[in-house]
Amino acid sequence: MVHILKLTKVHQPIELAYDGEGLRIDGDLNPRKKLKAERTCCCVPMPPPAQEDPTLLPIPNLNILNAFYNAKTNMVQIHALIPREQDKEDTPLDLYKFMYTVHDNKEDEAIEFCESMMAEVYKGLKREKSLKVLINPFGGQGRAKEIYNSYVFPIFESAKCKVDVQYTEFQGHAIKIAKDLDIEAFDAIVSVSGDGIPHEIINGYMQRPDATEAMNKVPLGVIPGGTGNALSTNMALDLCSVSFSDHRYFSFLSQNYGITAYADLGTEDLR
C-alpha cells in the first residue's frame, strides 16, 4: 500500500509517496538548497561535487533518519542521507533536510503519514537511541573531534539520538569507561578514533563479570578517526585471548609478540 501526502514548497505542489520500502518526493525542483555541505557522512572532509537530484529515486528506509510534523511552522520535516552518486555503492552520503508546508486542515493527515512511515523505517528497532561516544582527541592527526562535530553529530542529532560525549584523557581510559559503563543507560558505545580505543573498549568489556551481556546489549560502533582505521567495517570477528603472567588481554585483527619492536630496531640504519 502506498501512502500519499500532498504538500507545498512556497507555491510549488509537492507529493510524498511512501510504499513501506522507501520515500519518493515529487515536485521539489530545487532540493539542493537544503544541502548542508559541512554535514557529510564520510571520513575525510572534502568539498562536495555537483549533486544529483535526490528525488529522482526513492529514499530507502535505511537512509531515512527522521520525519515529523512541526506544529510551530506547520511544516513536515524529513531528515535523510542521500548518496552523492546514485549508481555507486560506496559513494559518500550527504545529510539533507526537506521542509514542506502542510495544507490547511491537513495537520492530522501529515502527523499520521510521518508516524506510519517512521514506524516502518524503525520496525523492530529502538528509535532515539542513547549513545555513549568516546573521542580520542590525541590520536592520528588530532582530527577526531572535528570529524565528530562536523560529520557525525549532525546525523545523530537528526535521528534524535541522546548523546553522552566523553574525551579519553590517558592510555587505558576507555578500558575503565567500558568496564564501569551502565549498560542499562545506553544502547551503543561509539568510538571516534583509530584502532586503539575500540581495542580498549573490548578489553574493558571483557573484564566485566557480565561481559557477554554487555557486548550483546551495548554493541560497539566505530567511526574512523585515527591514523590506522583497520577496524571500520561492520563484520563478525572472533576475539583472540592472550594470557601472559597474571594478565589476560583480548585482541582483534592481529596479534604479535615483539616482532614489530625487533623490526624497528633492526632497520634503524635504513631510515
C-alpha atoms as a PDB file:
ATOM      1  CA  MET A   1       0.000   0.000   0.000  1.00  0.00           C
ATOM      2  CA  VAL A   2       1.314   3.426  -0.982  1.00  0.00           C
ATOM      3  CA  HIS A   3       0.690   6.349   1.363  1.00  0.00           C
ATOM      4  CA  ILE A   4       0.376   9.757  -0.301  1.00  0.00           C
ATOM      5  CA  LEU A   5       0.722  13.191   1.281  1.00  0.00           C
ATOM      6  CA  LYS A   6       0.254  16.408  -0.695  1.00  0.00           C
ATOM      7  CA  LEU A   7       2.192  19.462   0.494  1.00  0.00           C
ATOM      8  CA  THR A   8       3.650  22.691  -0.893  1.00  0.00           C
ATOM      9  CA  LYS A   9       7.047  24.340  -1.065  1.00  0.00           C
ATOM     10  CA  VAL A  10       6.482  28.073  -1.403  1.00  0.00           C
ATOM     11  CA  HIS A  11       3.741  27.803  -4.071  1.00  0.00           C
ATOM     12  CA  GLN A  12       5.033  24.630  -5.705  1.00  0.00           C
ATOM     13  CA  PRO A  13       2.927  21.470  -5.162  1.00  0.00           C
ATOM     14  CA  ILE A  14       4.843  18.580  -3.566  1.00  0.00           C
ATOM     15  CA  GLU A  15       3.778  14.957  -3.298  1.00  0.00           C
ATOM     16  CA  LEU A  16       5.295  12.468  -0.874  1.00  0.00           C
ATOM     17  CA  ALA A  17       4.757   8.790  -1.646  1.00  0.00           C
ATOM     18  CA  TYR A  18       5.815   6.068   0.807  1.00  0.00           C
ATOM     19  CA  ASP A  19       5.417   2.383  -0.081  1.00  0.00           C
ATOM     20  CA  GLY A  20       6.896   0.729   3.008  1.00  0.00           C
ATOM     21  CA  GLU A  21      10.370   0.391   1.489  1.00  0.00           C
ATOM     22  CA  GLY A  22      11.248   3.948   0.520  1.00  0.00           C
ATOM     23  CA  LEU A  23      10.089   7.531   0.147  1.00  0.00           C
ATOM     24  CA  ARG A  24       9.671   9.347  -3.151  1.00  0.00           C
ATOM     25  CA  ILE A  25       9.431  13.139  -3.330  1.00  0.00           C
ATOM     26  CA  ASP A  26       7.808  14.545  -6.457  1.00  0.00           C
ATOM     27  CA  GLY A  27       7.729  18.227  -7.392  1.00  0.00           C
ATOM     28  CA  ASP A  28      10.719  19.596  -5.479  1.00  0.00           C
ATOM     29  CA  LEU A  29      12.521  21.448  -8.238  1.00  0.00           C
ATOM     30  CA  ASN A  30      15.413  22.696  -6.140  1.00  0.00           C
ATOM     31  CA  PRO A  31      16.214  20.295  -3.259  1.00  0.00           C
ATOM     32  CA  ARG A  32      19.912  21.270  -3.359  1.00  0.00           C
ATOM     33  CA  LYS A  33      19.160  24.432  -1.397  1.00  0.00           C
ATOM     34  CA  LYS A  34      18.642  22.263   1.679  1.00  0.00           C
ATOM     35  CA  LEU A  35      22.017  20.561   1.386  1.00  0.00           C
ATOM     36  CA  LYS A  36      24.331  21.116   4.361  1.00  0.00           C
ATOM     37  CA  ALA A  37      27.737  20.845   2.722  1.00  0.00           C
ATOM     38  CA  GLU A  38      29.569  20.623   6.024  1.00  0.00           C
ATOM     39  CA  ARG A  39      27.398  17.763   7.288  1.00  0.00           C
ATOM     40  CA  THR A  40      28.565  14.756   5.376  1.00  0.00           C
ATOM     41  CA  CYS A  41      28.698  11.092   6.354  1.00  0.00           C
ATOM     42  CA  CYS A  42      32.225  10.380   5.181  1.00  0.00           C
ATOM     43  CA  CYS A  43      35.530  10.103   6.973  1.00  0.00           C
ATOM     44  CA  VAL A  44      37.611  12.728   5.173  1.00  0.00           C
ATOM     45  CA  PRO A  45      36.124  16.225   4.757  1.00  0.00           C
ATOM     46  CA  MET A  46      36.155  17.487   1.197  1.00  0.00           C
ATOM     47  CA  PRO A  47      34.140  19.972  -0.864  1.00  0.00           C
ATOM     48  CA  PRO A  48      31.039  18.240  -2.250  1.00  0.00           C
ATOM     49  CA  PRO A  49      30.911  17.753  -6.015  1.00  0.00           C
ATOM     50  CA  ALA A  50      27.908  18.582  -8.137  1.00  0.00           C
ATOM     51  CA  GLN A  51      24.920  16.871  -6.548  1.00  0.00           C
ATOM     52  CA  GLU A  52      22.396  14.665  -8.234  1.00  0.00           C
ATOM     53  CA  ASP A  53      18.705  15.327  -7.661  1.00  0.00           C
ATOM     54  CA  PRO A  54      17.889  13.273  -4.527  1.00  0.00           C
ATOM     55  CA  THR A  55      14.243  12.979  -5.564  1.00  0.00           C
ATOM     56  CA  LEU A  56      14.978  11.055  -8.775  1.00  0.00           C
ATOM     57  CA  LEU A  57      14.996   7.737  -6.906  1.00  0.00           C
ATOM     58  CA  PRO A  58      13.157   6.628  -3.753  1.00  0.00           C
ATOM     59  CA  ILE A  59      14.989   7.242  -0.499  1.00  0.00           C
ATOM     60  CA  PRO A  60      15.280   3.755   1.120  1.00  0.00           C
ATOM     61  CA  ASN A  61      14.204   3.139   4.703  1.00  0.00           C
ATOM     62  CA  LEU A  62      17.836   2.698   5.762  1.00  0.00           C
ATOM     63  CA  ASN A  63      18.623   6.293   4.792  1.00  0.00           C
ATOM     64  CA  ILE A  64      15.591   7.949   6.423  1.00  0.00           C
ATOM     65  CA  LEU A  65      16.605   9.331   9.818  1.00  0.00           C
ATOM     66  CA  ASN A  66      13.512  11.201  10.915  1.00  0.00           C
ATOM     67  CA  ALA A  67      10.226  12.637   9.690  1.00  0.00           C
ATOM     68  CA  PHE A  68       7.770  14.654  11.733  1.00  0.00           C
ATOM     69  CA  TYR A  69       5.174  17.418  11.657  1.00  0.00           C
ATOM     70  CA  ASN A  70       6.279  20.705  13.247  1.00  0.00           C
ATOM     71  CA  ALA A  71       3.205  22.474  14.589  1.00  0.00           C
ATOM     72  CA  LYS A  72       5.054  25.779  15.120  1.00  0.00           C
ATOM     73  CA  THR A  73       5.979  26.123  11.458  1.00  0.00           C
ATOM     74  CA  ASN A  74       3.103  23.996  10.052  1.00  0.00           C
ATOM     75  CA  MET A  75       5.663  22.037   8.076  1.00  0.00           C
ATOM     76  CA  VAL A  76       6.673  18.439   7.571  1.00  0.00           C
ATOM     77  CA  GLN A  77      10.408  17.953   8.086  1.00  0.00           C
ATOM     78  CA  ILE A  78      12.312  14.981   6.691  1.00  0.00           C
ATOM     79  CA  HIS A  79      15.944  14.229   7.521  1.00  0.00           C
ATOM     80  CA  ALA A  80      17.630  11.745   5.210  1.00  0.00           C
ATOM     81  CA  LEU A  81      21.022  10.634   3.926  1.00  0.00           C
ATOM     82  CA  ILE A  82      21.338  10.945   0.159  1.00  0.00           C
ATOM     83  CA  PRO A  83      24.066   9.250  -1.934  1.00  0.00           C
ATOM     84  CA  ARG A  84      26.171  11.717  -3.891  1.00  0.00           C
ATOM     85  CA  GLU A  85      26.180   9.365  -6.854  1.00  0.00           C
ATOM     86  CA  GLN A  86      23.138   7.120  -7.105  1.00  0.00           C
ATOM     87  CA  ASP A  87      24.832   4.458  -9.246  1.00  0.00           C
ATOM     88  CA  LYS A  88      27.842   3.872  -6.931  1.00  0.00           C
ATOM     89  CA  GLU A  89      27.550   1.536  -3.959  1.00  0.00           C
ATOM     90  CA  ASP A  90      30.246   3.101  -1.754  1.00  0.00           C
ATOM     91  CA  THR A  91      29.570   6.765  -2.556  1.00  0.00           C
ATOM     92  CA  PRO A  92      29.530   9.180   0.422  1.00  0.00           C
ATOM     93  CA  LEU A  93      26.168  10.178   1.870  1.00  0.00           C
ATOM     94  CA  ASP A  94      25.100  13.777   2.432  1.00  0.00           C
ATOM     95  CA  LEU A  95      22.609  14.889   5.050  1.00  0.00           C
ATOM     96  CA  TYR A  96      19.533  16.621   3.627  1.00  0.00           C
ATOM     97  CA  LYS A  97      16.684  18.335   5.446  1.00  0.00           C
ATOM     98  CA  PHE A  98      13.485  18.640   3.414  1.00  0.00           C
ATOM     99  CA  MET A  99      10.797  21.042   4.670  1.00  0.00           C
ATOM    100  CA  TYR A 100       7.317  21.325   3.160  1.00  0.00           C
ATOM    101  CA  THR A 101       4.214  23.278   4.184  1.00  0.00           C
ATOM    102  CA  VAL A 102       1.066  21.396   5.192  1.00  0.00           C
ATOM    103  CA  HIS A 103      -2.268  22.394   3.651  1.00  0.00           C
ATOM    104  CA  ASP A 104      -4.939  23.924   5.888  1.00  0.00           C
ATOM    105  CA  ASN A 105      -6.844  21.386   7.983  1.00  0.00           C
ATOM    106  CA  LYS A 106      -4.440  18.592   6.911  1.00  0.00           C
ATOM    107  CA  GLU A 107      -2.351  18.557  10.078  1.00  0.00           C
ATOM    108  CA  ASP A 108      -3.717  15.213  11.308  1.00  0.00           C
ATOM    109  CA  GLU A 109      -3.072  13.655   7.906  1.00  0.00           C
ATOM    110  CA  ALA A 110       0.540  14.912   7.992  1.00  0.00           C
ATOM    111  CA  ILE A 111       1.065  13.547  11.509  1.00  0.00           C
ATOM    112  CA  GLU A 112      -0.366  10.153  10.557  1.00  0.00           C
ATOM    113  CA  PHE A 113       1.805   9.992   7.413  1.00  0.00           C
ATOM    114  CA  CYS A 114       5.005  10.742   9.333  1.00  0.00           C
ATOM    115  CA  GLU A 115       4.218   8.398  12.216  1.00  0.00           C
ATOM    116  CA  SER A 116       3.272   5.463   9.985  1.00  0.00           C
ATOM    117  CA  MET A 117       6.409   5.954   7.868  1.00  0.00           C
ATOM    118  CA  MET A 118       8.697   6.168  10.903  1.00  0.00           C
ATOM    119  CA  ALA A 119       7.077   3.073  12.423  1.00  0.00           C
ATOM    120  CA  GLU A 120       8.036   1.162   9.270  1.00  0.00           C
ATOM    121  CA  VAL A 121      11.513   2.729   8.997  1.00  0.00           C
ATOM    122  CA  TYR A 122      12.377   1.685  12.566  1.00  0.00           C
ATOM    123  CA  LYS A 123      10.379  -1.548  12.563  1.00  0.00           C
ATOM    124  CA  GLY A 124      11.888  -3.869  15.158  1.00  0.00           C
ATOM    125  CA  LEU A 125      14.383  -1.181  16.210  1.00  0.00           C
ATOM    126  CA  LYS A 126      14.518   1.338  19.012  1.00  0.00           C
ATOM    127  CA  ARG A 127      14.157   4.969  17.997  1.00  0.00           C
ATOM    128  CA  GLU A 128      16.053   7.874  19.578  1.00  0.00           C
ATOM    129  CA  LYS A 129      18.857   5.688  20.876  1.00  0.00           C
ATOM    130  CA  SER A 130      21.103   6.642  23.787  1.00  0.00           C
ATOM    131  CA  LEU A 131      24.747   6.639  22.751  1.00  0.00           C
ATOM    132  CA  LYS A 132      27.965   6.783  24.756  1.00  0.00           C
ATOM    133  CA  VAL A 133      30.545   8.436  22.481  1.00  0.00           C
ATOM    134  CA  LEU A 134      34.284   8.190  23.217  1.00  0.00           C
ATOM    135  CA  ILE A 135      36.545  10.561  21.303  1.00  0.00           C
ATOM    136  CA  ASN A 136      40.329  10.310  21.301  1.00  0.00           C
ATOM    137  CA  PRO A 137      41.449  13.930  20.750  1.00  0.00           C
ATOM    138  CA  PHE A 138      45.144  12.966  20.549  1.00  0.00           C
ATOM    139  CA  GLY A 139      45.162  10.029  18.129  1.00  0.00           C
ATOM    140  CA  GLY A 140      46.037  10.158  14.461  1.00  0.00           C
ATOM    141  CA  GLN A 141      46.254  13.722  13.220  1.00  0.00           C
ATOM    142  CA  GLY A 142      44.169  15.053  16.098  1.00  0.00           C
ATOM    143  CA  ARG A 143      41.094  15.434  13.926  1.00  0.00           C
ATOM    144  CA  ALA A 144      38.700  13.075  15.711  1.00  0.00           C
ATOM    145  CA  LYS A 145      36.869  15.942  17.440  1.00  0.00           C
ATOM    146  CA  GLU A 146      36.451  17.808  14.152  1.00  0.00           C
ATOM    147  CA  ILE A 147      35.234  14.668  12.378  1.00  0.00           C
ATOM    148  CA  TYR A 148      32.656  14.055  15.081  1.00  0.00           C
ATOM    149  CA  ASN A 149      31.360  17.623  15.299  1.00  0.00           C
ATOM    150  CA  SER A 150      31.206  18.189  11.541  1.00  0.00           C
ATOM    151  CA  TYR A 151      30.160  14.823  10.160  1.00  0.00           C
ATOM    152  CA  VAL A 152      28.833  12.509  12.868  1.00  0.00           C
ATOM    153  CA  PHE A 153      26.930  14.581  15.429  1.00  0.00           C
ATOM    154  CA  PRO A 154      24.593  16.172  12.826  1.00  0.00           C
ATOM    155  CA  ILE A 155      23.455  12.680  11.855  1.00  0.00           C
ATOM    156  CA  PHE A 156      22.925  11.641  15.488  1.00  0.00           C
ATOM    157  CA  GLU A 157      21.063  14.911  16.053  1.00  0.00           C
ATOM    158  CA  SER A 158      18.802  14.340  13.045  1.00  0.00           C
ATOM    159  CA  ALA A 159      17.976  10.843  14.314  1.00  0.00           C
ATOM    160  CA  LYS A 160      17.120  12.351  17.730  1.00  0.00           C
ATOM    161  CA  CYS A 161      19.773  10.292  19.477  1.00  0.00           C
ATOM    162  CA  LYS A 162      20.634  11.128  23.068  1.00  0.00           C
ATOM    163  CA  VAL A 163      24.413  11.502  23.134  1.00  0.00           C
ATOM    164  CA  ASP A 164      26.852  11.447  26.057  1.00  0.00           C
ATOM    165  CA  VAL A 165      30.284  12.515  24.759  1.00  0.00           C
ATOM    166  CA  GLN A 166      33.473  11.834  26.693  1.00  0.00           C
ATOM    167  CA  TYR A 167      37.059  12.519  25.640  1.00  0.00           C
ATOM    168  CA  THR A 168      39.709   9.968  26.557  1.00  0.00           C
ATOM    169  CA  GLU A 169      42.456  11.513  28.678  1.00  0.00           C
ATOM    170  CA  PHE A 170      45.096   8.810  29.069  1.00  0.00           C
ATOM    171  CA  GLN A 171      46.107   5.381  27.823  1.00  0.00           C
ATOM    172  CA  GLY A 172      43.697   2.803  29.158  1.00  0.00           C
ATOM    173  CA  HIS A 173      40.980   5.367  29.897  1.00  0.00           C
ATOM    174  CA  ALA A 174      38.489   3.658  27.564  1.00  0.00           C
ATOM    175  CA  ILE A 175      39.125   0.346  29.369  1.00  0.00           C
ATOM    176  CA  LYS A 176      37.933   1.888  32.623  1.00  0.00           C
ATOM    177  CA  ILE A 177      34.938   3.568  30.965  1.00  0.00           C
ATOM    178  CA  ALA A 178      33.770   0.354  29.300  1.00  0.00           C
ATOM    179  CA  LYS A 179      34.386  -1.690  32.466  1.00  0.00           C
ATOM    180  CA  ASP A 180      32.259   0.683  34.568  1.00  0.00           C
ATOM    181  CA  LEU A 181      29.632   1.507  31.919  1.00  0.00           C
ATOM    182  CA  ASP A 182      25.977   1.345  32.956  1.00  0.00           C
ATOM    183  CA  ILE A 183      24.671  -0.975  30.254  1.00  0.00           C
ATOM    184  CA  GLU A 184      21.079  -0.122  31.181  1.00  0.00           C
ATOM    185  CA  ALA A 185      21.647   3.534  30.286  1.00  0.00           C
ATOM    186  CA  PHE A 186      22.979   3.155  26.723  1.00  0.00           C
ATOM    187  CA  ASP A 187      22.039   1.385  23.517  1.00  0.00           C
ATOM    188  CA  ALA A 188      25.537   1.523  21.986  1.00  0.00           C
ATOM    189  CA  ILE A 189      29.054   2.754  22.671  1.00  0.00           C
ATOM    190  CA  VAL A 190      30.690   4.647  19.799  1.00  0.00           C
ATOM    191  CA  SER A 191      34.392   5.328  19.338  1.00  0.00           C
ATOM    192  CA  VAL A 192      35.733   8.170  17.216  1.00  0.00           C
ATOM    193  CA  SER A 193      39.381   7.213  16.911  1.00  0.00           C
ATOM    194  CA  GLY A 194      41.768   4.786  15.311  1.00  0.00           C
ATOM    195  CA  ASP A 195      42.013   1.158  16.405  1.00  0.00           C
ATOM    196  CA  GLY A 196      43.283   1.889  19.924  1.00  0.00           C
ATOM    197  CA  ILE A 197      40.014   2.958  21.570  1.00  0.00           C
ATOM    198  CA  PRO A 198      37.977   0.015  20.174  1.00  0.00           C
ATOM    199  CA  HIS A 199      40.724  -2.294  21.497  1.00  0.00           C
ATOM    200  CA  GLU A 200      40.442  -0.688  24.937  1.00  0.00           C
ATOM    201  CA  ILE A 201      36.627  -0.833  24.910  1.00  0.00           C
ATOM    202  CA  ILE A 202      36.682  -4.544  24.105  1.00  0.00           C
ATOM    203  CA  ASN A 203      39.189  -5.223  26.872  1.00  0.00           C
ATOM    204  CA  GLY A 204      37.106  -3.164  29.301  1.00  0.00           C
ATOM    205  CA  TYR A 205      34.026  -5.164  28.383  1.00  0.00           C
ATOM    206  CA  MET A 206      35.859  -8.467  28.806  1.00  0.00           C
ATOM    207  CA  GLN A 207      36.938  -7.505  32.335  1.00  0.00           C
ATOM    208  CA  ARG A 208      33.308  -7.226  33.407  1.00  0.00           C
ATOM    209  CA  PRO A 209      31.558 -10.095  35.194  1.00  0.00           C
ATOM    210  CA  ASP A 210      28.684  -9.593  32.722  1.00  0.00           C
ATOM    211  CA  ALA A 211      30.983  -9.374  29.678  1.00  0.00           C
ATOM    212  CA  THR A 212      28.783 -11.356  27.281  1.00  0.00           C
ATOM    213  CA  GLU A 213      25.650  -9.448  28.244  1.00  0.00           C
ATOM    214  CA  ALA A 214      27.439  -6.101  27.939  1.00  0.00           C
ATOM    215  CA  MET A 215      28.779  -6.816  24.451  1.00  0.00           C
ATOM    216  CA  ASN A 216      25.388  -8.061  23.253  1.00  0.00           C
ATOM    217  CA  LYS A 217      23.348  -5.306  24.866  1.00  0.00           C
ATOM    218  CA  VAL A 218      25.608  -2.328  24.162  1.00  0.00           C
ATOM    219  CA  PRO A 219      27.324  -3.001  20.813  1.00  0.00           C
ATOM    220  CA  LEU A 220      30.423  -1.148  19.679  1.00  0.00           C
ATOM    221  CA  GLY A 221      30.129   1.334  16.830  1.00  0.00           C
ATOM    222  CA  VAL A 222      33.325   2.529  15.151  1.00  0.00           C
ATOM    223  CA  ILE A 223      33.791   5.932  13.494  1.00  0.00           C
ATOM    224  CA  PRO A 224      37.241   6.003  11.821  1.00  0.00           C
ATOM    225  CA  GLY A 225      39.156   8.978  13.195  1.00  0.00           C
ATOM    226  CA  GLY A 226      42.773   7.914  13.583  1.00  0.00           C
ATOM    227  CA  THR A 227      45.852   7.128  11.521  1.00  0.00           C
ATOM    228  CA  GLY A 228      45.135   3.414  11.242  1.00  0.00           C
ATOM    229  CA  ASN A 229      41.477   2.519  10.853  1.00  0.00           C
ATOM    230  CA  ALA A 230      41.688  -1.224  10.255  1.00  0.00           C
ATOM    231  CA  LEU A 231      38.516  -1.916  12.241  1.00  0.00           C
ATOM    232  CA  SER A 232      35.989   0.285  10.454  1.00  0.00           C
ATOM    233  CA  THR A 233      33.656  -2.126   8.636  1.00  0.00           C
ATOM    234  CA  ASN A 234      30.672  -3.948  10.119  1.00  0.00           C
ATOM    235  CA  MET A 235      31.578  -7.627  10.220  1.00  0.00           C
ATOM    236  CA  ALA A 236      31.712 -10.520  12.679  1.00  0.00           C
ATOM    237  CA  LEU A 237      35.164 -11.144  14.120  1.00  0.00           C
ATOM    238  CA  ASP A 238      36.445 -13.597  16.696  1.00  0.00           C
ATOM    239  CA  LEU A 239      38.413 -12.206  19.621  1.00  0.00           C
ATOM    240  CA  CYS A 240      41.847 -13.574  20.433  1.00  0.00           C
ATOM    241  CA  SER A 241      42.556 -14.222  24.123  1.00  0.00           C
ATOM    242  CA  VAL A 242      46.207 -13.880  25.191  1.00  0.00           C
ATOM    243  CA  SER A 243      47.409 -14.679  28.714  1.00  0.00           C
ATOM    244  CA  PHE A 244      50.808 -13.515  29.963  1.00  0.00           C
ATOM    245  CA  SER A 245      51.920 -13.902  33.559  1.00  0.00           C
ATOM    246  CA  ASP A 246      48.870 -12.818  35.586  1.00  0.00           C
ATOM    247  CA  HIS A 247      47.426 -10.638  32.809  1.00  0.00           C
ATOM    248  CA  ARG A 248      44.889 -11.534  30.139  1.00  0.00           C
ATOM    249  CA  TYR A 249      44.375  -9.449  27.029  1.00  0.00           C
ATOM    250  CA  PHE A 250      41.891  -9.604  24.165  1.00  0.00           C
ATOM    251  CA  SER A 251      42.796  -8.604  20.633  1.00  0.00           C
ATOM    252  CA  PHE A 252      41.253  -8.486  17.193  1.00  0.00           C
ATOM    253  CA  LEU A 253      42.632  -8.316  13.648  1.00  0.00           C
ATOM    254  CA  SER A 254      46.187  -9.295  14.626  1.00  0.00           C
ATOM    255  CA  GLN A 255      48.480 -10.279  17.472  1.00  0.00           C
ATOM    256  CA  ASN A 256      52.277 -10.158  17.609  1.00  0.00           C
ATOM    257  CA  TYR A 257      54.913 -10.699  20.270  1.00  0.00           C
ATOM    258  CA  GLY A 258      57.688  -8.192  19.917  1.00  0.00           C
ATOM    259  CA  ILE A 259      58.229  -8.661  16.192  1.00  0.00           C
ATOM    260  CA  THR A 260      57.412  -5.023  15.440  1.00  0.00           C
ATOM    261  CA  ALA A 261      59.904  -3.759  18.014  1.00  0.00           C
ATOM    262  CA  TYR A 262      62.639  -6.085  16.721  1.00  0.00           C
ATOM    263  CA  ALA A 263      61.897  -4.988  13.156  1.00  0.00           C
ATOM    264  CA  ASP A 264      62.151  -1.319  14.165  1.00  0.00           C
ATOM    265  CA  LEU A 265      65.481  -1.869  15.921  1.00  0.00           C
ATOM    266  CA  GLY A 266      66.846  -3.988  13.097  1.00  0.00           C
ATOM    267  CA  THR A 267      66.007  -1.446  10.414  1.00  0.00           C
ATOM    268  CA  GLU A 268      67.024   1.716  12.263  1.00  0.00           C
ATOM    269  CA  ASP A 269      70.011   2.149   9.942  1.00  0.00           C
ATOM    270  CA  LEU A 270      67.678   2.181   6.915  1.00  0.00           C
ATOM    271  CA  ARG A 271      65.886   5.388   7.956  1.00  0.00           C
END
